[in-house]
Amino acid sequence: MKITACLAILVALLMVGCESISSRINERSTAFNNWTPTTQERIRTGELKVGDNTDMVYIVLGKPDPAEEILREDDSTLSIWNYPKLKQQFMAEETVGYEDHSDYDIATGQRVHYQIPNRQKVYQNTKVKGMQVILRNGLVTSVRWEGEPPPTLFEGPEKTE
């Protein structure tokens, strides 16, 4: 089996929601309305391919965080659009209050009052490397990601008999 030569990226709703794509389509409606119906449907479903332009990437993935521009010796521009993932890291556990309790002590015949601390875990969100879209002169040339790719990232492999 071989992977199709045309790099197709299906960025499923794991990364962005439908409302986000819809709002970005409205934002870039002039460009969107100039595309063929097939291309419009592909972008609506979150699929990118090599050769797609910056409007298409923006509609599917949103604003990059951050974007890097590199002017090459051959006067072409290489753009790297970064889409980091948020990683939640456990930091500590803190006391946020106490609960009053009382029990009856059979041995003494008296009520025993005590407090149990209410504990809350504290997490910190950190940005880690996620997906990078590489564009040359405004057109997608490749996509890189850190770690395991999302299961729907590539078009399915072609079957060879």
N, C-alpha and C. Protein backbone atom coordinates (compact mmCIF):
# COMPACT_ATOMS: atom_id res chain seq x y z
N MET A 1 0.83 -1.18 0.00
CA MET A 1 0.00 0.00 0.00
C MET A 1 0.87 1.24 0.00
N LYS A 2 0.44 2.23 -0.71
CA LYS A 2 1.20 3.48 -0.71
C LYS A 2 0.28 4.64 -0.37
N ILE A 3 0.85 5.63 0.22
CA ILE A 3 0.08 6.81 0.58
C ILE A 3 -0.03 7.68 -0.66
N THR A 4 -1.18 8.26 -0.88
CA THR A 4 -1.40 9.05 -2.08
C THR A 4 -0.36 10.15 -2.19
N ALA A 5 0.02 10.44 -3.44
CA ALA A 5 1.03 11.46 -3.68
C ALA A 5 0.53 12.83 -3.27
N CYS A 6 -0.73 13.04 -3.43
CA CYS A 6 -1.30 14.34 -3.06
C CYS A 6 -1.55 14.35 -1.56
N LEU A 7 -0.82 15.21 -0.87
CA LEU A 7 -0.99 15.30 0.58
C LEU A 7 -2.34 15.92 0.88
N ALA A 8 -3.20 15.13 1.50
CA ALA A 8 -4.52 15.64 1.87
C ALA A 8 -4.64 15.58 3.36
N ILE A 9 -5.05 16.67 3.92
CA ILE A 9 -5.16 16.72 5.36
C ILE A 9 -6.62 16.94 5.72
N LEU A 10 -7.14 15.99 6.45
CA LEU A 10 -8.49 16.14 6.93
C LEU A 10 -8.38 16.50 8.40
N VAL A 11 -8.53 17.79 8.69
CA VAL A 11 -8.43 18.24 10.07
C VAL A 11 -9.84 18.16 10.64
N ALA A 12 -10.14 17.04 11.25
CA ALA A 12 -11.47 16.77 11.76
C ALA A 12 -11.80 17.71 12.89
N LEU A 13 -12.95 17.58 13.39
CA LEU A 13 -13.41 18.48 14.43
C LEU A 13 -12.64 18.33 15.72
N LEU A 14 -11.55 17.53 15.70
CA LEU A 14 -10.67 17.43 16.86
C LEU A 14 -10.01 18.77 17.15
N MET A 15 -9.72 19.51 16.09
CA MET A 15 -8.96 20.74 16.26
C MET A 15 -9.86 21.97 16.26
N VAL A 16 -10.89 21.97 15.42
CA VAL A 16 -11.76 23.14 15.33
C VAL A 16 -13.20 22.69 15.21
N GLY A 17 -14.11 23.48 15.68
CA GLY A 17 -15.52 23.15 15.57
C GLY A 17 -16.13 23.70 14.30
N CYS A 18 -17.31 23.17 13.96
CA CYS A 18 -18.01 23.62 12.75
C CYS A 18 -18.33 25.10 12.81
N GLU A 19 -18.72 25.59 13.99
CA GLU A 19 -19.06 27.00 14.12
C GLU A 19 -17.86 27.87 13.76
N SER A 20 -16.67 27.43 14.12
CA SER A 20 -15.47 28.20 13.83
C SER A 20 -15.23 28.28 12.33
N ILE A 21 -15.35 27.15 11.64
CA ILE A 21 -15.17 27.15 10.19
C ILE A 21 -16.24 28.03 9.54
N SER A 22 -17.48 27.90 10.00
CA SER A 22 -18.57 28.70 9.44
C SER A 22 -18.31 30.19 9.61
N SER A 23 -17.86 30.57 10.79
CA SER A 23 -17.61 32.00 11.01
C SER A 23 -16.44 32.51 10.17
N ARG A 24 -15.44 31.64 9.96
CA ARG A 24 -14.31 32.06 9.13
C ARG A 24 -14.68 32.07 7.64
N ILE A 25 -15.63 31.21 7.24
CA ILE A 25 -16.14 31.27 5.86
C ILE A 25 -16.83 32.62 5.64
N ASN A 26 -17.63 33.04 6.61
CA ASN A 26 -18.29 34.35 6.50
C ASN A 26 -17.27 35.48 6.44
N GLU A 27 -16.23 35.34 7.23
CA GLU A 27 -15.18 36.36 7.28
C GLU A 27 -14.44 36.48 5.95
N ARG A 28 -14.22 35.35 5.29
CA ARG A 28 -13.49 35.33 4.01
C ARG A 28 -14.43 34.91 2.87
N SER A 29 -15.65 35.42 2.90
CA SER A 29 -16.67 35.00 1.94
C SER A 29 -16.31 35.32 0.49
N THR A 30 -15.63 36.43 0.25
CA THR A 30 -15.27 36.79 -1.13
C THR A 30 -14.39 35.71 -1.74
N ALA A 31 -13.36 35.30 -1.03
CA ALA A 31 -12.48 34.25 -1.54
C ALA A 31 -13.24 32.93 -1.65
N PHE A 32 -14.00 32.59 -0.61
CA PHE A 32 -14.73 31.32 -0.57
C PHE A 32 -15.70 31.19 -1.74
N ASN A 33 -16.42 32.27 -2.06
CA ASN A 33 -17.41 32.24 -3.13
C ASN A 33 -16.78 32.09 -4.51
N ASN A 34 -15.48 32.36 -4.65
CA ASN A 34 -14.79 32.22 -5.93
C ASN A 34 -14.30 30.80 -6.18
N TRP A 35 -14.39 29.91 -5.20
CA TRP A 35 -13.91 28.54 -5.36
C TRP A 35 -15.01 27.67 -5.97
N THR A 36 -14.61 26.55 -6.53
CA THR A 36 -15.58 25.61 -7.10
C THR A 36 -16.41 24.99 -5.98
N PRO A 37 -17.61 24.50 -6.29
CA PRO A 37 -18.42 23.85 -5.25
C PRO A 37 -17.69 22.67 -4.58
N THR A 38 -16.89 21.93 -5.35
CA THR A 38 -16.14 20.81 -4.78
C THR A 38 -15.13 21.31 -3.76
N THR A 39 -14.42 22.37 -4.10
CA THR A 39 -13.44 22.95 -3.18
C THR A 39 -14.13 23.52 -1.95
N GLN A 40 -15.25 24.19 -2.15
CA GLN A 40 -15.99 24.75 -1.01
C GLN A 40 -16.40 23.64 -0.03
N GLU A 41 -16.88 22.53 -0.56
CA GLU A 41 -17.30 21.42 0.30
C GLU A 41 -16.11 20.82 1.05
N ARG A 42 -14.98 20.69 0.35
CA ARG A 42 -13.76 20.15 0.96
C ARG A 42 -13.32 21.04 2.12
N ILE A 43 -13.35 22.35 1.92
CA ILE A 43 -12.96 23.29 2.97
C ILE A 43 -13.97 23.26 4.11
N ARG A 44 -15.26 23.17 3.80
CA ARG A 44 -16.29 23.09 4.85
C ARG A 44 -16.07 21.89 5.76
N THR A 45 -15.57 20.78 5.19
CA THR A 45 -15.36 19.57 5.99
C THR A 45 -13.98 19.55 6.65
N GLY A 46 -13.18 20.59 6.45
CA GLY A 46 -11.90 20.69 7.15
C GLY A 46 -10.76 19.97 6.47
N GLU A 47 -10.80 19.83 5.17
CA GLU A 47 -9.74 19.11 4.45
C GLU A 47 -8.85 20.09 3.70
N LEU A 48 -7.54 19.93 3.89
CA LEU A 48 -6.55 20.74 3.17
C LEU A 48 -5.73 19.84 2.27
N LYS A 49 -5.21 20.43 1.19
CA LYS A 49 -4.35 19.68 0.27
C LYS A 49 -3.15 20.55 -0.10
N VAL A 50 -2.10 19.90 -0.57
CA VAL A 50 -0.95 20.63 -1.10
C VAL A 50 -1.46 21.52 -2.22
N GLY A 51 -1.01 22.78 -2.21
CA GLY A 51 -1.44 23.73 -3.23
C GLY A 51 -2.54 24.66 -2.76
N ASP A 52 -3.17 24.35 -1.62
CA ASP A 52 -4.19 25.24 -1.08
C ASP A 52 -3.55 26.56 -0.67
N ASN A 53 -4.34 27.64 -0.74
CA ASN A 53 -3.79 28.96 -0.41
C ASN A 53 -4.05 29.34 1.05
N THR A 54 -3.56 30.51 1.43
CA THR A 54 -3.64 30.95 2.83
C THR A 54 -5.08 31.14 3.30
N ASP A 55 -5.98 31.59 2.39
CA ASP A 55 -7.39 31.72 2.79
C ASP A 55 -7.97 30.37 3.18
N MET A 56 -7.63 29.35 2.42
CA MET A 56 -8.14 28.00 2.70
C MET A 56 -7.62 27.49 4.04
N VAL A 57 -6.33 27.69 4.29
CA VAL A 57 -5.74 27.25 5.56
C VAL A 57 -6.38 28.01 6.72
N TYR A 58 -6.56 29.32 6.56
CA TYR A 58 -7.15 30.13 7.61
C TYR A 58 -8.57 29.66 7.93
N ILE A 59 -9.37 29.40 6.89
CA ILE A 59 -10.75 28.97 7.12
C ILE A 59 -10.78 27.63 7.86
N VAL A 60 -9.93 26.70 7.47
CA VAL A 60 -9.94 25.37 8.09
C VAL A 60 -9.36 25.39 9.51
N LEU A 61 -8.22 26.05 9.71
CA LEU A 61 -7.51 25.97 10.99
C LEU A 61 -7.59 27.22 11.85
N GLY A 62 -7.92 28.35 11.27
CA GLY A 62 -7.96 29.59 12.02
C GLY A 62 -6.63 30.32 11.99
N LYS A 63 -6.51 31.30 12.84
CA LYS A 63 -5.31 32.13 12.90
C LYS A 63 -4.15 31.32 13.49
N PRO A 64 -2.99 31.35 12.83
CA PRO A 64 -1.84 30.63 13.38
C PRO A 64 -1.33 31.28 14.66
N ASP A 65 -0.65 30.49 15.48
CA ASP A 65 -0.16 30.99 16.77
C ASP A 65 1.23 30.44 17.06
N PRO A 66 2.27 31.08 16.66
CA PRO A 66 2.42 32.24 15.78
C PRO A 66 2.69 31.81 14.35
N ALA A 67 2.83 32.80 13.47
CA ALA A 67 3.22 32.55 12.08
C ALA A 67 4.63 33.12 11.89
N GLU A 68 5.45 32.38 11.17
CA GLU A 68 6.82 32.84 10.90
C GLU A 68 6.97 33.04 9.40
N GLU A 69 7.64 34.11 9.01
CA GLU A 69 7.89 34.39 7.59
C GLU A 69 9.40 34.37 7.37
N ILE A 70 9.83 33.65 6.33
CA ILE A 70 11.26 33.56 6.01
C ILE A 70 11.43 33.92 4.54
N LEU A 71 12.24 34.94 4.26
CA LEU A 71 12.54 35.32 2.88
C LEU A 71 13.73 34.49 2.43
N ARG A 72 13.55 33.72 1.36
CA ARG A 72 14.60 32.83 0.89
C ARG A 72 15.47 33.52 -0.15
N GLU A 73 16.64 32.93 -0.42
CA GLU A 73 17.58 33.51 -1.37
C GLU A 73 16.99 33.65 -2.77
N ASP A 74 16.07 32.74 -3.14
CA ASP A 74 15.46 32.81 -4.47
C ASP A 74 14.26 33.76 -4.51
N ASP A 75 14.15 34.64 -3.51
CA ASP A 75 13.09 35.64 -3.37
C ASP A 75 11.70 35.05 -3.12
N SER A 76 11.63 33.75 -2.83
CA SER A 76 10.35 33.17 -2.44
C SER A 76 10.18 33.35 -0.93
N THR A 77 8.94 33.33 -0.50
CA THR A 77 8.65 33.47 0.93
C THR A 77 8.18 32.14 1.48
N LEU A 78 8.81 31.72 2.54
CA LEU A 78 8.42 30.50 3.23
C LEU A 78 7.69 30.93 4.50
N SER A 79 6.47 30.46 4.65
CA SER A 79 5.68 30.78 5.84
C SER A 79 5.46 29.51 6.63
N ILE A 80 5.62 29.61 7.94
CA ILE A 80 5.35 28.48 8.82
C ILE A 80 4.23 28.91 9.76
N TRP A 81 3.09 28.28 9.60
CA TRP A 81 1.93 28.58 10.44
C TRP A 81 1.86 27.52 11.52
N ASN A 82 1.98 27.95 12.77
CA ASN A 82 2.00 27.03 13.91
C ASN A 82 0.63 26.96 14.58
N TYR A 83 0.24 25.75 14.90
CA TYR A 83 -1.00 25.49 15.63
C TYR A 83 -0.67 24.58 16.81
N PRO A 84 -0.27 25.19 17.94
CA PRO A 84 0.13 24.37 19.09
C PRO A 84 -1.06 23.67 19.73
N LYS A 85 -0.74 22.61 20.48
CA LYS A 85 -1.73 21.89 21.27
C LYS A 85 -1.61 22.39 22.70
N LEU A 86 -2.69 22.33 23.43
CA LEU A 86 -2.64 22.65 24.85
C LEU A 86 -2.47 21.36 25.63
N LYS A 87 -1.50 21.35 26.50
CA LYS A 87 -1.26 20.20 27.35
C LYS A 87 -1.55 20.61 28.78
N GLN A 88 -2.36 19.81 29.46
CA GLN A 88 -2.69 20.12 30.84
C GLN A 88 -1.72 19.38 31.76
N GLN A 89 -1.05 20.13 32.61
CA GLN A 89 -0.04 19.54 33.49
C GLN A 89 -0.47 19.73 34.95
N PHE A 90 -0.44 18.65 35.71
CA PHE A 90 -0.78 18.71 37.13
C PHE A 90 0.30 19.50 37.86
N MET A 91 -0.11 20.47 38.65
CA MET A 91 0.86 21.31 39.36
C MET A 91 0.87 21.00 40.87
N ALA A 92 -0.31 20.93 41.47
CA ALA A 92 -0.36 20.74 42.92
C ALA A 92 -1.80 20.41 43.33
N GLU A 93 -1.95 20.20 44.60
CA GLU A 93 -3.27 20.03 45.18
C GLU A 93 -3.36 21.03 46.31
N GLU A 94 -4.44 21.80 46.35
CA GLU A 94 -4.55 22.82 47.39
C GLU A 94 -5.83 22.65 48.18
N THR A 95 -5.81 23.14 49.40
CA THR A 95 -6.98 23.10 50.26
C THR A 95 -7.82 24.33 49.95
N VAL A 96 -9.10 24.11 49.66
CA VAL A 96 -9.98 25.23 49.32
C VAL A 96 -11.07 25.45 50.37
N GLY A 97 -11.00 24.72 51.46
CA GLY A 97 -11.98 24.88 52.52
C GLY A 97 -12.05 23.61 53.35
N TYR A 98 -12.97 23.62 54.31
CA TYR A 98 -13.13 22.46 55.20
C TYR A 98 -14.60 22.13 55.34
N GLU A 99 -14.88 20.85 55.54
CA GLU A 99 -16.23 20.38 55.81
C GLU A 99 -16.31 19.97 57.28
N ASP A 100 -17.32 20.46 57.98
CA ASP A 100 -17.52 20.07 59.37
C ASP A 100 -18.25 18.74 59.42
N HIS A 101 -17.77 17.86 60.27
CA HIS A 101 -18.38 16.54 60.46
C HIS A 101 -18.49 16.28 61.96
N SER A 102 -19.43 15.43 62.29
CA SER A 102 -19.51 14.97 63.68
C SER A 102 -19.98 13.52 63.69
N ASP A 103 -19.43 12.77 64.60
CA ASP A 103 -19.78 11.36 64.76
C ASP A 103 -20.02 11.11 66.25
N TYR A 104 -20.70 10.03 66.50
CA TYR A 104 -20.94 9.63 67.88
C TYR A 104 -19.90 8.58 68.25
N ASP A 105 -19.14 8.84 69.32
CA ASP A 105 -18.12 7.90 69.80
C ASP A 105 -18.78 6.98 70.83
N ILE A 106 -18.91 5.69 70.50
CA ILE A 106 -19.59 4.72 71.36
C ILE A 106 -18.85 4.54 72.69
N ALA A 107 -17.53 4.56 72.65
CA ALA A 107 -16.73 4.31 73.86
C ALA A 107 -16.94 5.38 74.91
N THR A 108 -17.01 6.64 74.48
CA THR A 108 -17.14 7.74 75.45
C THR A 108 -18.58 8.22 75.59
N GLY A 109 -19.40 7.89 74.61
CA GLY A 109 -20.78 8.35 74.63
C GLY A 109 -20.92 9.81 74.26
N GLN A 110 -19.92 10.38 73.65
CA GLN A 110 -19.96 11.80 73.29
C GLN A 110 -19.86 11.97 71.76
N ARG A 111 -20.32 13.14 71.35
CA ARG A 111 -20.16 13.50 69.94
C ARG A 111 -18.76 14.03 69.72
N VAL A 112 -18.17 13.61 68.61
CA VAL A 112 -16.83 14.08 68.24
C VAL A 112 -16.98 14.94 67.00
N HIS A 113 -16.48 16.17 67.07
CA HIS A 113 -16.54 17.10 65.93
C HIS A 113 -15.14 17.20 65.31
N TYR A 114 -15.12 17.19 63.98
CA TYR A 114 -13.83 17.32 63.27
C TYR A 114 -14.09 17.92 61.90
N GLN A 115 -13.00 18.35 61.26
CA GLN A 115 -13.09 18.95 59.93
C GLN A 115 -12.27 18.13 58.94
N ILE A 116 -12.83 17.98 57.74
CA ILE A 116 -12.13 17.30 56.66
C ILE A 116 -11.81 18.35 55.59
N PRO A 117 -10.55 18.44 55.18
CA PRO A 117 -10.21 19.45 54.17
C PRO A 117 -10.79 19.08 52.80
N ASN A 118 -11.29 20.10 52.10
CA ASN A 118 -11.69 19.94 50.70
C ASN A 118 -10.47 20.27 49.84
N ARG A 119 -10.08 19.30 49.05
CA ARG A 119 -8.87 19.46 48.24
C ARG A 119 -9.27 19.64 46.77
N GLN A 120 -8.48 20.45 46.07
CA GLN A 120 -8.71 20.70 44.65
C GLN A 120 -7.39 20.58 43.91
N LYS A 121 -7.41 19.86 42.80
CA LYS A 121 -6.20 19.72 42.00
C LYS A 121 -6.02 20.96 41.14
N VAL A 122 -4.77 21.41 41.01
CA VAL A 122 -4.46 22.59 40.22
C VAL A 122 -3.67 22.14 38.99
N TYR A 123 -4.17 22.56 37.82
CA TYR A 123 -3.52 22.21 36.57
C TYR A 123 -3.09 23.49 35.86
N GLN A 124 -2.06 23.37 35.03
CA GLN A 124 -1.61 24.50 34.23
C GLN A 124 -1.64 24.06 32.77
N ASN A 125 -2.25 24.90 31.93
CA ASN A 125 -2.25 24.64 30.50
C ASN A 125 -0.98 25.21 29.88
N THR A 126 -0.29 24.38 29.14
CA THR A 126 0.93 24.83 28.45
C THR A 126 0.80 24.51 26.98
N LYS A 127 1.30 25.42 26.15
CA LYS A 127 1.31 25.17 24.72
C LYS A 127 2.50 24.30 24.38
N VAL A 128 2.25 23.23 23.63
CA VAL A 128 3.32 22.36 23.15
C VAL A 128 3.19 22.27 21.64
N LYS A 129 4.28 21.82 21.02
CA LYS A 129 4.26 21.72 19.56
C LYS A 129 3.09 20.87 19.10
N GLY A 130 2.42 21.35 18.11
CA GLY A 130 1.30 20.62 17.53
C GLY A 130 1.52 20.49 16.05
N MET A 131 0.70 21.17 15.27
CA MET A 131 0.76 21.09 13.83
C MET A 131 1.43 22.34 13.25
N GLN A 132 2.19 22.15 12.19
CA GLN A 132 2.76 23.26 11.43
C GLN A 132 2.36 23.10 9.97
N VAL A 133 1.85 24.17 9.39
CA VAL A 133 1.54 24.18 7.96
C VAL A 133 2.63 25.02 7.30
N ILE A 134 3.31 24.43 6.32
CA ILE A 134 4.40 25.10 5.61
C ILE A 134 3.86 25.59 4.27
N LEU A 135 3.99 26.90 4.03
CA LEU A 135 3.52 27.49 2.78
C LEU A 135 4.70 28.14 2.06
N ARG A 136 4.72 28.02 0.76
CA ARG A 136 5.74 28.70 -0.04
C ARG A 136 5.01 29.59 -1.02
N ASN A 137 5.31 30.88 -0.93
CA ASN A 137 4.61 31.89 -1.73
C ASN A 137 3.10 31.79 -1.59
N GLY A 138 2.65 31.51 -0.36
CA GLY A 138 1.22 31.50 -0.07
C GLY A 138 0.49 30.20 -0.38
N LEU A 139 1.21 29.14 -0.78
CA LEU A 139 0.56 27.87 -1.09
C LEU A 139 1.12 26.76 -0.21
N VAL A 140 0.26 25.87 0.26
CA VAL A 140 0.66 24.77 1.14
C VAL A 140 1.62 23.84 0.40
N THR A 141 2.76 23.57 1.04
CA THR A 141 3.71 22.59 0.48
C THR A 141 3.78 21.34 1.34
N SER A 142 3.58 21.49 2.65
CA SER A 142 3.60 20.33 3.54
C SER A 142 3.02 20.68 4.89
N VAL A 143 2.81 19.62 5.67
CA VAL A 143 2.30 19.78 7.04
C VAL A 143 3.13 18.88 7.93
N ARG A 144 3.51 19.41 9.09
CA ARG A 144 4.25 18.62 10.08
C ARG A 144 3.48 18.66 11.39
N TRP A 145 3.66 17.63 12.18
CA TRP A 145 3.07 17.62 13.51
C TRP A 145 4.01 16.90 14.45
N GLU A 146 3.85 17.23 15.71
CA GLU A 146 4.67 16.63 16.76
C GLU A 146 3.89 15.47 17.35
N GLY A 147 4.53 14.34 17.52
CA GLY A 147 3.87 13.19 18.12
C GLY A 147 3.03 12.44 17.11
N GLU A 148 2.04 11.74 17.60
CA GLU A 148 1.17 10.93 16.75
C GLU A 148 0.24 11.84 15.95
N PRO A 149 0.08 11.57 14.65
CA PRO A 149 -0.86 12.38 13.88
C PRO A 149 -2.29 12.03 14.26
N PRO A 150 -3.21 12.98 14.11
CA PRO A 150 -4.61 12.65 14.34
C PRO A 150 -5.02 11.52 13.38
N PRO A 151 -5.93 10.65 13.77
CA PRO A 151 -6.26 9.49 12.94
C PRO A 151 -6.84 9.86 11.59
N THR A 152 -7.38 11.05 11.43
CA THR A 152 -8.01 11.44 10.17
C THR A 152 -7.16 12.44 9.38
N LEU A 153 -5.86 12.49 9.66
CA LEU A 153 -5.04 13.53 9.06
C LEU A 153 -4.81 13.33 7.58
N PHE A 154 -4.56 12.10 7.14
CA PHE A 154 -4.28 11.84 5.74
C PHE A 154 -5.44 11.15 5.07
N GLU A 155 -5.53 11.39 3.77
CA GLU A 155 -6.44 10.60 2.96
C GLU A 155 -6.02 9.15 3.08
N GLY A 156 -6.96 8.25 3.01
CA GLY A 156 -6.64 6.83 3.16
C GLY A 156 -5.62 6.36 2.12
N PRO A 157 -4.84 5.34 2.43
CA PRO A 157 -3.85 4.83 1.49
C PRO A 157 -4.52 4.18 0.29
N GLU A 158 -3.86 4.30 -0.85
CA GLU A 158 -4.38 3.64 -2.05
C GLU A 158 -4.07 2.16 -1.97
N LYS A 159 -4.97 1.36 -2.46
CA LYS A 159 -4.75 -0.08 -2.45
C LYS A 159 -4.02 -0.47 -3.73
N THR A 160 -3.01 -1.28 -3.58
CA THR A 160 -2.30 -1.79 -4.76
C THR A 160 -2.51 -3.29 -4.80
N GLU A 161 -2.80 -3.79 -5.94
CA GLU A 161 -3.07 -5.23 -6.08
C GLU A 161 -1.88 -5.92 -6.69
